[in-house]
Amino acid sequence: MDDDLRPNKAEKEFLTLSYNRFYDIFDEVMNDAFWEKSRPHRFSKIKDGFAVYAELLNYEPIKWAIDHLRSSRPPMEAVIGGELFQVIRNIVFHFPFFDSWDEVWVSKTIINWNRCGQTIDRFLKKHAGKDSVKYRFWEPDKKKMTYVSIDFPKQYKEDEKIYLSEILSEKEGVKFSFVLMRQIIDTQVEQ
């Protein structure tokens, strides 16, 4: 019976490490001093945050939280909190050629250099040309609302570069991403 309970011993160990790391990066990213650091430093931390979150997406109860978003939140929130964040993680790790957020680009040719139809390819085929998605989030320490737009590429063609920064801005976009990621993973934290 105890084997069916969540989280099991292995999950607890993984979740403890993951949550601690994510929360540390979250606190750093949300601090104004972070945005004054070098672009490569920021990029390294941002990549780590997306990587930890992407690993947490493998935990079944977090998948349930994403599924719940599909029926309880605005239509694209589950896509953003699940698929898009996974795609961003895949882009920055499968194409480790860049030192900063604004430098990162992909193209259909590069994405499919080895095999077509993988996660990034499927996502861009499905969402290229779709309307922007607008969000806002409250920054309590600044007592201000921050607005962000997620802009899908207008088209997805062979040799056309798609810059990550054109989809999601570094500062506001990344901060929004971390806020949404935290909201999603916090669904599994006992209060």
N, C-alpha and C. Protein backbone atom coordinates (compact mmCIF):
# COMPACT_ATOMS: atom_id res chain seq x y z
N MET A 1 0.83 -1.20 0.00
CA MET A 1 0.00 0.00 0.00
C MET A 1 0.87 1.26 0.00
N ASP A 2 1.90 1.31 0.83
CA ASP A 2 2.74 2.50 0.92
C ASP A 2 3.47 2.78 -0.39
N ASP A 3 3.68 1.75 -1.21
CA ASP A 3 4.37 1.95 -2.49
C ASP A 3 3.54 2.79 -3.46
N ASP A 4 2.21 2.85 -3.24
CA ASP A 4 1.34 3.60 -4.12
C ASP A 4 1.25 5.08 -3.74
N LEU A 5 1.72 5.44 -2.57
CA LEU A 5 1.63 6.82 -2.13
C LEU A 5 2.65 7.69 -2.84
N ARG A 6 2.28 8.91 -3.08
CA ARG A 6 3.19 9.88 -3.69
C ARG A 6 3.50 10.94 -2.68
N PRO A 7 4.67 11.46 -2.66
CA PRO A 7 5.82 10.98 -3.39
C PRO A 7 6.50 9.82 -2.67
N ASN A 8 7.09 8.92 -3.45
CA ASN A 8 7.84 7.81 -2.85
C ASN A 8 9.23 8.33 -2.47
N LYS A 9 10.08 7.45 -1.94
CA LYS A 9 11.39 7.87 -1.44
C LYS A 9 12.25 8.52 -2.53
N ALA A 10 12.31 7.88 -3.69
CA ALA A 10 13.12 8.43 -4.80
C ALA A 10 12.57 9.77 -5.25
N GLU A 11 11.24 9.86 -5.36
CA GLU A 11 10.62 11.12 -5.77
C GLU A 11 10.90 12.23 -4.75
N LYS A 12 10.82 11.90 -3.46
CA LYS A 12 11.10 12.91 -2.43
C LYS A 12 12.51 13.45 -2.56
N GLU A 13 13.46 12.56 -2.78
CA GLU A 13 14.84 13.01 -2.92
C GLU A 13 15.01 13.90 -4.15
N PHE A 14 14.45 13.47 -5.27
CA PHE A 14 14.52 14.25 -6.50
C PHE A 14 13.80 15.58 -6.34
N LEU A 15 12.59 15.55 -5.79
CA LEU A 15 11.80 16.77 -5.64
C LEU A 15 12.47 17.76 -4.69
N THR A 16 13.07 17.27 -3.62
CA THR A 16 13.76 18.16 -2.68
C THR A 16 14.89 18.90 -3.37
N LEU A 17 15.73 18.16 -4.10
CA LEU A 17 16.83 18.79 -4.82
C LEU A 17 16.32 19.77 -5.89
N SER A 18 15.31 19.34 -6.63
CA SER A 18 14.77 20.16 -7.72
C SER A 18 14.13 21.44 -7.20
N TYR A 19 13.28 21.29 -6.20
CA TYR A 19 12.58 22.46 -5.67
C TYR A 19 13.56 23.44 -5.04
N ASN A 20 14.51 22.94 -4.27
CA ASN A 20 15.49 23.83 -3.65
C ASN A 20 16.26 24.60 -4.71
N ARG A 21 16.69 23.92 -5.75
CA ARG A 21 17.45 24.58 -6.82
C ARG A 21 16.58 25.58 -7.56
N PHE A 22 15.36 25.18 -7.91
CA PHE A 22 14.48 26.10 -8.63
C PHE A 22 14.19 27.34 -7.80
N TYR A 23 13.84 27.17 -6.53
CA TYR A 23 13.53 28.31 -5.68
C TYR A 23 14.72 29.24 -5.52
N ASP A 24 15.93 28.69 -5.43
CA ASP A 24 17.13 29.53 -5.35
C ASP A 24 17.29 30.37 -6.62
N ILE A 25 17.12 29.72 -7.77
CA ILE A 25 17.24 30.45 -9.05
C ILE A 25 16.11 31.46 -9.18
N PHE A 26 14.91 31.07 -8.80
CA PHE A 26 13.76 31.98 -8.85
C PHE A 26 14.06 33.26 -8.07
N ASP A 27 14.52 33.10 -6.84
CA ASP A 27 14.82 34.28 -6.01
C ASP A 27 15.87 35.16 -6.67
N GLU A 28 16.86 34.54 -7.28
CA GLU A 28 17.91 35.31 -7.93
C GLU A 28 17.36 36.06 -9.15
N VAL A 29 16.59 35.37 -9.99
CA VAL A 29 16.05 35.96 -11.22
C VAL A 29 15.09 37.11 -10.90
N MET A 30 14.36 37.01 -9.84
CA MET A 30 13.38 38.05 -9.50
C MET A 30 14.02 39.26 -8.83
N ASN A 31 15.29 39.17 -8.49
CA ASN A 31 16.00 40.26 -7.83
C ASN A 31 16.58 41.20 -8.89
N ASP A 32 16.40 42.51 -8.71
CA ASP A 32 16.90 43.49 -9.68
C ASP A 32 18.40 43.36 -9.92
N ALA A 33 19.16 42.99 -8.91
CA ALA A 33 20.62 42.88 -9.04
C ALA A 33 21.00 41.81 -10.07
N PHE A 34 20.18 40.80 -10.24
CA PHE A 34 20.44 39.75 -11.22
C PHE A 34 20.57 40.34 -12.62
N TRP A 35 19.73 41.30 -12.95
CA TRP A 35 19.67 41.84 -14.30
C TRP A 35 20.80 42.81 -14.59
N GLU A 36 21.63 43.08 -13.59
CA GLU A 36 22.82 43.91 -13.78
C GLU A 36 24.07 43.04 -14.00
N LYS A 37 23.94 41.74 -13.82
CA LYS A 37 25.07 40.82 -14.01
C LYS A 37 25.32 40.62 -15.50
N SER A 38 26.43 39.98 -15.81
CA SER A 38 26.78 39.77 -17.22
C SER A 38 25.75 38.91 -17.94
N ARG A 39 25.64 39.10 -19.23
CA ARG A 39 24.69 38.33 -20.03
C ARG A 39 24.96 36.82 -19.96
N PRO A 40 26.23 36.38 -20.03
CA PRO A 40 26.48 34.94 -19.90
C PRO A 40 26.08 34.38 -18.53
N HIS A 41 26.30 35.15 -17.47
CA HIS A 41 25.90 34.69 -16.13
C HIS A 41 24.38 34.53 -16.07
N ARG A 42 23.68 35.55 -16.54
CA ARG A 42 22.21 35.47 -16.52
C ARG A 42 21.73 34.27 -17.34
N PHE A 43 22.32 34.09 -18.51
CA PHE A 43 21.90 33.01 -19.40
C PHE A 43 22.12 31.65 -18.75
N SER A 44 23.23 31.50 -18.07
CA SER A 44 23.53 30.24 -17.39
C SER A 44 22.47 29.92 -16.33
N LYS A 45 22.12 30.90 -15.54
CA LYS A 45 21.10 30.69 -14.49
C LYS A 45 19.72 30.43 -15.10
N ILE A 46 19.38 31.19 -16.13
CA ILE A 46 18.09 31.01 -16.79
C ILE A 46 17.99 29.60 -17.37
N LYS A 47 19.06 29.15 -18.04
CA LYS A 47 19.08 27.80 -18.59
C LYS A 47 18.88 26.77 -17.48
N ASP A 48 19.55 26.96 -16.35
CA ASP A 48 19.40 26.03 -15.23
C ASP A 48 17.97 26.00 -14.73
N GLY A 49 17.34 27.16 -14.63
CA GLY A 49 15.95 27.22 -14.17
C GLY A 49 15.01 26.47 -15.09
N PHE A 50 15.16 26.69 -16.40
CA PHE A 50 14.32 25.97 -17.37
C PHE A 50 14.61 24.47 -17.33
N ALA A 51 15.87 24.10 -17.11
CA ALA A 51 16.24 22.68 -17.06
C ALA A 51 15.61 21.99 -15.86
N VAL A 52 15.69 22.63 -14.70
CA VAL A 52 15.10 22.03 -13.50
C VAL A 52 13.59 21.89 -13.69
N TYR A 53 12.95 22.93 -14.18
CA TYR A 53 11.51 22.88 -14.40
C TYR A 53 11.13 21.78 -15.39
N ALA A 54 11.89 21.67 -16.48
CA ALA A 54 11.59 20.64 -17.49
C ALA A 54 11.69 19.25 -16.88
N GLU A 55 12.65 19.04 -15.99
CA GLU A 55 12.75 17.74 -15.31
C GLU A 55 11.55 17.52 -14.39
N LEU A 56 11.11 18.58 -13.73
CA LEU A 56 9.94 18.45 -12.85
C LEU A 56 8.67 18.12 -13.64
N LEU A 57 8.62 18.50 -14.91
CA LEU A 57 7.46 18.16 -15.74
C LEU A 57 7.28 16.65 -15.90
N ASN A 58 8.31 15.88 -15.59
CA ASN A 58 8.20 14.42 -15.66
C ASN A 58 7.48 13.83 -14.46
N TYR A 59 7.31 14.61 -13.41
CA TYR A 59 6.63 14.13 -12.20
C TYR A 59 5.13 14.14 -12.45
N GLU A 60 4.52 12.97 -12.35
CA GLU A 60 3.11 12.79 -12.74
C GLU A 60 2.16 13.83 -12.13
N PRO A 61 2.23 14.14 -10.83
CA PRO A 61 1.31 15.15 -10.29
C PRO A 61 1.48 16.54 -10.92
N ILE A 62 2.66 16.87 -11.40
CA ILE A 62 2.83 18.16 -12.08
C ILE A 62 2.19 18.10 -13.46
N LYS A 63 2.25 16.93 -14.09
CA LYS A 63 1.52 16.76 -15.36
C LYS A 63 0.02 16.97 -15.13
N TRP A 64 -0.49 16.50 -14.00
CA TRP A 64 -1.90 16.70 -13.67
C TRP A 64 -2.20 18.19 -13.50
N ALA A 65 -1.28 18.92 -12.89
CA ALA A 65 -1.46 20.37 -12.71
C ALA A 65 -1.54 21.08 -14.06
N ILE A 66 -0.68 20.67 -15.00
CA ILE A 66 -0.71 21.25 -16.35
C ILE A 66 -2.04 20.91 -17.02
N ASP A 67 -2.48 19.66 -16.89
CA ASP A 67 -3.76 19.26 -17.48
C ASP A 67 -4.92 20.06 -16.89
N HIS A 68 -4.83 20.34 -15.59
CA HIS A 68 -5.87 21.14 -14.92
C HIS A 68 -5.93 22.55 -15.51
N LEU A 69 -4.77 23.10 -15.87
CA LEU A 69 -4.73 24.44 -16.47
C LEU A 69 -5.56 24.48 -17.76
N ARG A 70 -5.56 23.37 -18.50
CA ARG A 70 -6.27 23.34 -19.78
C ARG A 70 -7.76 23.64 -19.62
N SER A 71 -8.32 23.26 -18.47
CA SER A 71 -9.76 23.46 -18.27
C SER A 71 -10.08 24.61 -17.32
N SER A 72 -9.09 25.10 -16.58
CA SER A 72 -9.42 26.09 -15.56
C SER A 72 -8.82 27.47 -15.77
N ARG A 73 -7.92 27.61 -16.73
CA ARG A 73 -7.23 28.88 -16.95
C ARG A 73 -7.40 29.30 -18.40
N PRO A 74 -6.92 30.48 -18.75
CA PRO A 74 -6.99 30.89 -20.16
C PRO A 74 -6.39 29.82 -21.07
N PRO A 75 -6.92 29.72 -22.28
CA PRO A 75 -6.59 28.60 -23.17
C PRO A 75 -5.11 28.29 -23.38
N MET A 76 -4.28 29.30 -23.54
CA MET A 76 -2.88 29.05 -23.87
C MET A 76 -1.99 28.83 -22.65
N GLU A 77 -2.50 29.00 -21.46
CA GLU A 77 -1.64 28.90 -20.28
C GLU A 77 -1.03 27.51 -20.11
N ALA A 78 -1.77 26.47 -20.40
CA ALA A 78 -1.21 25.11 -20.31
C ALA A 78 -0.15 24.90 -21.39
N VAL A 79 -0.36 25.45 -22.57
CA VAL A 79 0.63 25.33 -23.65
C VAL A 79 1.91 26.06 -23.25
N ILE A 80 1.75 27.26 -22.70
CA ILE A 80 2.92 28.05 -22.27
C ILE A 80 3.64 27.33 -21.14
N GLY A 81 2.90 26.94 -20.09
CA GLY A 81 3.49 26.32 -18.90
C GLY A 81 4.02 24.92 -19.13
N GLY A 82 3.62 24.29 -20.20
CA GLY A 82 4.08 22.94 -20.49
C GLY A 82 4.96 22.92 -21.73
N GLU A 83 4.32 22.99 -22.88
CA GLU A 83 5.04 22.82 -24.15
C GLU A 83 6.09 23.90 -24.41
N LEU A 84 5.71 25.18 -24.28
CA LEU A 84 6.66 26.24 -24.62
C LEU A 84 7.89 26.20 -23.72
N PHE A 85 7.68 26.05 -22.42
CA PHE A 85 8.83 26.03 -21.52
C PHE A 85 9.72 24.82 -21.78
N GLN A 86 9.13 23.70 -22.17
CA GLN A 86 9.91 22.52 -22.54
C GLN A 86 10.70 22.80 -23.82
N VAL A 87 10.09 23.48 -24.77
CA VAL A 87 10.75 23.83 -26.03
C VAL A 87 11.92 24.77 -25.77
N ILE A 88 11.72 25.76 -24.91
CA ILE A 88 12.81 26.68 -24.58
C ILE A 88 13.97 25.91 -23.97
N ARG A 89 13.66 25.02 -23.04
CA ARG A 89 14.72 24.19 -22.44
C ARG A 89 15.45 23.40 -23.52
N ASN A 90 14.70 22.79 -24.42
CA ASN A 90 15.32 21.98 -25.47
C ASN A 90 16.19 22.83 -26.41
N ILE A 91 15.72 24.01 -26.74
CA ILE A 91 16.50 24.88 -27.62
C ILE A 91 17.83 25.23 -26.98
N VAL A 92 17.81 25.68 -25.72
CA VAL A 92 19.06 26.15 -25.10
C VAL A 92 20.02 25.01 -24.79
N PHE A 93 19.51 23.79 -24.66
CA PHE A 93 20.40 22.67 -24.36
C PHE A 93 20.80 21.86 -25.59
N HIS A 94 19.94 21.75 -26.58
CA HIS A 94 20.29 20.99 -27.78
C HIS A 94 21.13 21.82 -28.76
N PHE A 95 21.10 23.13 -28.59
CA PHE A 95 21.87 24.03 -29.45
C PHE A 95 22.71 24.95 -28.57
N PRO A 96 23.72 24.40 -27.90
CA PRO A 96 24.50 25.16 -26.91
C PRO A 96 25.60 26.02 -27.54
N PHE A 97 25.21 26.83 -28.50
CA PHE A 97 26.17 27.61 -29.26
C PHE A 97 26.22 29.07 -28.84
N PHE A 98 25.40 29.44 -27.87
CA PHE A 98 25.19 30.85 -27.58
C PHE A 98 25.54 31.17 -26.12
N ASP A 99 25.90 32.44 -25.90
CA ASP A 99 26.30 32.88 -24.57
C ASP A 99 25.27 33.77 -23.89
N SER A 100 24.24 34.16 -24.61
CA SER A 100 23.22 35.02 -24.00
C SER A 100 21.87 34.75 -24.64
N TRP A 101 20.83 35.13 -23.94
CA TRP A 101 19.45 34.93 -24.37
C TRP A 101 19.20 35.55 -25.75
N ASP A 102 19.67 36.78 -25.95
CA ASP A 102 19.40 37.50 -27.19
C ASP A 102 20.11 36.90 -28.40
N GLU A 103 21.14 36.09 -28.19
CA GLU A 103 21.86 35.47 -29.30
C GLU A 103 21.20 34.19 -29.81
N VAL A 104 20.39 33.55 -29.00
CA VAL A 104 19.85 32.22 -29.32
C VAL A 104 18.88 32.29 -30.50
N TRP A 105 19.16 31.49 -31.50
CA TRP A 105 18.25 31.36 -32.63
C TRP A 105 18.25 29.90 -33.11
N VAL A 106 17.16 29.56 -33.77
CA VAL A 106 17.04 28.26 -34.43
C VAL A 106 16.38 28.50 -35.78
N SER A 107 16.45 27.50 -36.61
CA SER A 107 15.72 27.51 -37.89
C SER A 107 15.22 26.10 -38.11
N LYS A 108 14.31 25.95 -39.01
CA LYS A 108 13.79 24.62 -39.32
C LYS A 108 14.92 23.69 -39.76
N THR A 109 15.87 24.22 -40.52
CA THR A 109 17.00 23.42 -40.98
C THR A 109 17.82 22.91 -39.80
N ILE A 110 18.16 23.80 -38.88
CA ILE A 110 18.97 23.43 -37.71
C ILE A 110 18.20 22.49 -36.79
N ILE A 111 16.95 22.79 -36.55
CA ILE A 111 16.14 21.97 -35.65
C ILE A 111 16.06 20.53 -36.15
N ASN A 112 15.95 20.38 -37.45
CA ASN A 112 15.76 19.05 -38.05
C ASN A 112 17.03 18.48 -38.66
N TRP A 113 18.18 18.98 -38.26
CA TRP A 113 19.45 18.55 -38.87
C TRP A 113 19.65 17.04 -38.77
N ASN A 114 19.12 16.44 -37.71
CA ASN A 114 19.33 15.02 -37.47
C ASN A 114 18.06 14.20 -37.70
N ARG A 115 16.93 14.77 -37.27
CA ARG A 115 15.67 14.04 -37.37
C ARG A 115 14.50 15.01 -37.27
N CYS A 116 13.54 14.86 -38.12
CA CYS A 116 12.35 15.72 -38.11
C CYS A 116 11.32 15.23 -37.10
N GLY A 117 10.43 16.12 -36.74
CA GLY A 117 9.28 15.72 -35.93
C GLY A 117 9.51 15.64 -34.44
N GLN A 118 10.64 16.17 -33.96
CA GLN A 118 10.89 16.17 -32.52
C GLN A 118 10.12 17.33 -31.87
N THR A 119 10.27 17.47 -30.57
CA THR A 119 9.48 18.41 -29.77
C THR A 119 9.49 19.83 -30.32
N ILE A 120 10.65 20.38 -30.60
CA ILE A 120 10.75 21.77 -31.07
C ILE A 120 10.05 21.91 -32.43
N ASP A 121 10.34 20.99 -33.33
CA ASP A 121 9.74 21.00 -34.67
C ASP A 121 8.22 20.93 -34.60
N ARG A 122 7.70 20.00 -33.81
CA ARG A 122 6.25 19.85 -33.67
C ARG A 122 5.61 21.12 -33.11
N PHE A 123 6.25 21.71 -32.10
CA PHE A 123 5.71 22.91 -31.47
C PHE A 123 5.66 24.07 -32.47
N LEU A 124 6.75 24.29 -33.17
CA LEU A 124 6.79 25.42 -34.11
C LEU A 124 5.85 25.21 -35.29
N LYS A 125 5.72 23.99 -35.78
CA LYS A 125 4.75 23.73 -36.84
C LYS A 125 3.34 24.05 -36.37
N LYS A 126 3.04 23.70 -35.14
CA LYS A 126 1.69 23.88 -34.59
C LYS A 126 1.38 25.34 -34.26
N HIS A 127 2.38 26.09 -33.80
CA HIS A 127 2.09 27.42 -33.26
C HIS A 127 2.60 28.59 -34.10
N ALA A 128 3.40 28.34 -35.13
CA ALA A 128 3.86 29.44 -35.99
C ALA A 128 2.65 30.12 -36.61
N GLY A 129 2.68 31.44 -36.61
CA GLY A 129 1.58 32.20 -37.20
C GLY A 129 0.44 32.50 -36.24
N LYS A 130 0.45 31.92 -35.06
CA LYS A 130 -0.61 32.19 -34.09
C LYS A 130 -0.44 33.57 -33.47
N ASP A 131 -1.52 34.10 -32.97
CA ASP A 131 -1.51 35.42 -32.34
C ASP A 131 -0.66 35.42 -31.08
N SER A 132 -0.17 36.61 -30.74
CA SER A 132 0.57 36.80 -29.49
C SER A 132 -0.33 36.49 -28.31
N VAL A 133 0.30 36.10 -27.22
CA VAL A 133 -0.42 35.87 -25.98
C VAL A 133 0.11 36.89 -24.98
N LYS A 134 -0.79 37.63 -24.38
CA LYS A 134 -0.41 38.69 -23.44
C LYS A 134 -0.66 38.23 -22.01
N TYR A 135 0.28 38.55 -21.15
CA TYR A 135 0.16 38.23 -19.73
C TYR A 135 0.59 39.42 -18.92
N ARG A 136 0.25 39.35 -17.66
CA ARG A 136 0.75 40.30 -16.69
C ARG A 136 0.97 39.55 -15.39
N PHE A 137 1.90 40.06 -14.61
CA PHE A 137 2.13 39.46 -13.29
C PHE A 137 2.51 40.56 -12.32
N TRP A 138 2.16 40.33 -11.09
CA TRP A 138 2.39 41.29 -10.02
C TRP A 138 3.75 41.03 -9.38
N GLU A 139 4.54 42.08 -9.23
CA GLU A 139 5.81 41.99 -8.53
C GLU A 139 5.64 42.69 -7.18
N PRO A 140 5.38 41.90 -6.14
CA PRO A 140 5.02 42.50 -4.85
C PRO A 140 6.09 43.40 -4.24
N ASP A 141 7.35 43.04 -4.39
CA ASP A 141 8.40 43.86 -3.79
C ASP A 141 8.52 45.22 -4.48
N LYS A 142 8.10 45.30 -5.73
CA LYS A 142 8.15 46.57 -6.46
C LYS A 142 6.79 47.26 -6.48
N LYS A 143 5.78 46.54 -6.04
CA LYS A 143 4.40 47.02 -6.07
C LYS A 143 4.04 47.51 -7.49
N LYS A 144 4.33 46.62 -8.46
CA LYS A 144 4.03 46.98 -9.84
C LYS A 144 3.60 45.76 -10.63
N MET A 145 2.78 46.04 -11.62
CA MET A 145 2.33 45.03 -12.55
C MET A 145 3.27 45.06 -13.75
N THR A 146 3.76 43.89 -14.15
CA THR A 146 4.65 43.79 -15.31
C THR A 146 3.89 43.09 -16.43
N TYR A 147 3.99 43.64 -17.61
CA TYR A 147 3.29 43.11 -18.77
C TYR A 147 4.27 42.44 -19.71
N VAL A 148 3.83 41.35 -20.31
CA VAL A 148 4.70 40.59 -21.20
C VAL A 148 3.87 40.02 -22.34
N SER A 149 4.52 39.87 -23.47
CA SER A 149 3.88 39.29 -24.64
C SER A 149 4.71 38.09 -25.11
N ILE A 150 4.03 37.01 -25.41
CA ILE A 150 4.67 35.84 -26.00
C ILE A 150 4.28 35.86 -27.47
N ASP A 151 5.29 36.00 -28.32
CA ASP A 151 5.05 36.16 -29.75
C ASP A 151 5.56 34.95 -30.50
N PHE A 152 4.65 34.17 -31.03
CA PHE A 152 5.02 33.00 -31.81
C PHE A 152 5.59 33.47 -33.15
N PRO A 153 6.51 32.70 -33.72
CA PRO A 153 7.06 33.11 -35.01
C PRO A 153 5.95 33.22 -36.06
N LYS A 154 6.09 34.20 -36.92
CA LYS A 154 5.07 34.39 -37.96
C LYS A 154 5.04 33.21 -38.93
N GLN A 155 6.23 32.63 -39.17
CA GLN A 155 6.31 31.46 -40.04
C GLN A 155 7.47 30.58 -39.59
N TYR A 156 7.45 29.37 -40.07
CA TYR A 156 8.48 28.38 -39.71
C TYR A 156 8.98 27.79 -41.02
N LYS A 157 10.08 28.39 -41.53
CA LYS A 157 10.62 27.99 -42.83
C LYS A 157 12.06 27.52 -42.69
N GLU A 158 12.53 26.83 -43.71
CA GLU A 158 13.84 26.18 -43.69
C GLU A 158 14.97 27.02 -43.14
N ASP A 159 15.31 28.10 -43.78
CA ASP A 159 16.51 28.84 -43.41
C ASP A 159 16.23 30.16 -42.69
N GLU A 160 15.02 30.33 -42.23
CA GLU A 160 14.67 31.57 -41.53
C GLU A 160 14.98 31.44 -40.04
N LYS A 161 15.79 32.36 -39.53
CA LYS A 161 16.16 32.34 -38.12
C LYS A 161 14.99 32.78 -37.24
N ILE A 162 14.79 32.02 -36.17
CA ILE A 162 13.79 32.37 -35.15
C ILE A 162 14.57 32.63 -33.87
N TYR A 163 14.57 33.89 -33.45
CA TYR A 163 15.29 34.26 -32.23
C TYR A 163 14.41 34.03 -31.01
N LEU A 164 14.99 33.43 -30.00
CA LEU A 164 14.28 33.19 -28.75
C LEU A 164 13.77 34.49 -28.16
N SER A 165 14.57 35.55 -28.25
CA SER A 165 14.19 36.85 -27.70
C SER A 165 13.00 37.47 -28.41
N GLU A 166 12.71 37.03 -29.64
CA GLU A 166 11.54 37.53 -30.36
C GLU A 166 10.27 36.79 -29.93
N ILE A 167 10.45 35.62 -29.35
CA ILE A 167 9.32 34.88 -28.79
C ILE A 167 9.02 35.38 -27.39
N LEU A 168 10.08 35.55 -26.62
CA LEU A 168 9.96 35.89 -25.20
C LEU A 168 11.13 36.78 -24.82
N SER A 169 10.84 37.98 -24.34
CA SER A 169 11.92 38.90 -23.96
C SER A 169 12.72 38.33 -22.80
N GLU A 170 13.98 38.73 -22.72
CA GLU A 170 14.81 38.17 -21.65
C GLU A 170 14.30 38.56 -20.27
N LYS A 171 14.23 39.83 -19.98
CA LYS A 171 13.93 40.22 -18.60
C LYS A 171 12.47 39.94 -18.22
N GLU A 172 11.53 40.63 -18.85
CA GLU A 172 10.13 40.46 -18.48
C GLU A 172 9.62 39.07 -18.81
N GLY A 173 10.03 38.56 -19.98
CA GLY A 173 9.58 37.23 -20.40
C GLY A 173 10.09 36.12 -19.50
N VAL A 174 11.36 36.20 -19.13
CA VAL A 174 11.93 35.18 -18.24
C VAL A 174 11.32 35.29 -16.85
N LYS A 175 11.16 36.51 -16.35
CA LYS A 175 10.54 36.67 -15.03
C LYS A 175 9.12 36.09 -15.04
N PHE A 176 8.35 36.40 -16.09
CA PHE A 176 7.01 35.82 -16.21
C PHE A 176 7.09 34.29 -16.22
N SER A 177 8.02 33.75 -17.00
CA SER A 177 8.16 32.29 -17.09
C SER A 177 8.42 31.68 -15.73
N PHE A 178 9.31 32.29 -14.97
CA PHE A 178 9.63 31.76 -13.65
C PHE A 178 8.45 31.88 -12.70
N VAL A 179 7.69 32.96 -12.82
CA VAL A 179 6.48 33.11 -11.99
C VAL A 179 5.49 32.00 -12.31
N LEU A 180 5.24 31.76 -13.60
CA LEU A 180 4.28 30.71 -13.98
C LEU A 180 4.81 29.33 -13.61
N MET A 181 6.09 29.09 -13.85
CA MET A 181 6.67 27.80 -13.45
C MET A 181 6.49 27.58 -11.95
N ARG A 182 6.75 28.61 -11.18
CA ARG A 182 6.62 28.47 -9.72
C ARG A 182 5.17 28.20 -9.34
N GLN A 183 4.23 28.89 -9.95
CA GLN A 183 2.82 28.64 -9.65
C GLN A 183 2.46 27.18 -9.93
N ILE A 184 2.98 26.66 -11.01
CA ILE A 184 2.68 25.26 -11.39
C ILE A 184 3.31 24.29 -10.41
N ILE A 185 4.60 24.46 -10.10
CA ILE A 185 5.23 23.49 -9.20
C ILE A 185 4.75 23.65 -7.77
N ASP A 186 4.32 24.87 -7.40
CA ASP A 186 3.80 25.08 -6.05
C ASP A 186 2.51 24.30 -5.80
N THR A 187 1.85 23.83 -6.85
CA THR A 187 0.64 23.02 -6.64
C THR A 187 0.95 21.74 -5.89
N GLN A 188 2.23 21.35 -5.86
CA GLN A 188 2.61 20.12 -5.20
C GLN A 188 3.27 20.34 -3.84
N VAL A 189 3.23 21.58 -3.37
CA VAL A 189 3.82 21.89 -2.07
C VAL A 189 2.71 21.98 -1.03
N GLU A 190 2.90 21.24 0.05
CA GLU A 190 1.93 21.32 1.14
C GLU A 190 2.09 22.63 1.88
N GLN A 191 0.99 23.30 2.11
CA GLN A 191 1.03 24.58 2.82
C GLN A 191 0.90 24.40 4.30
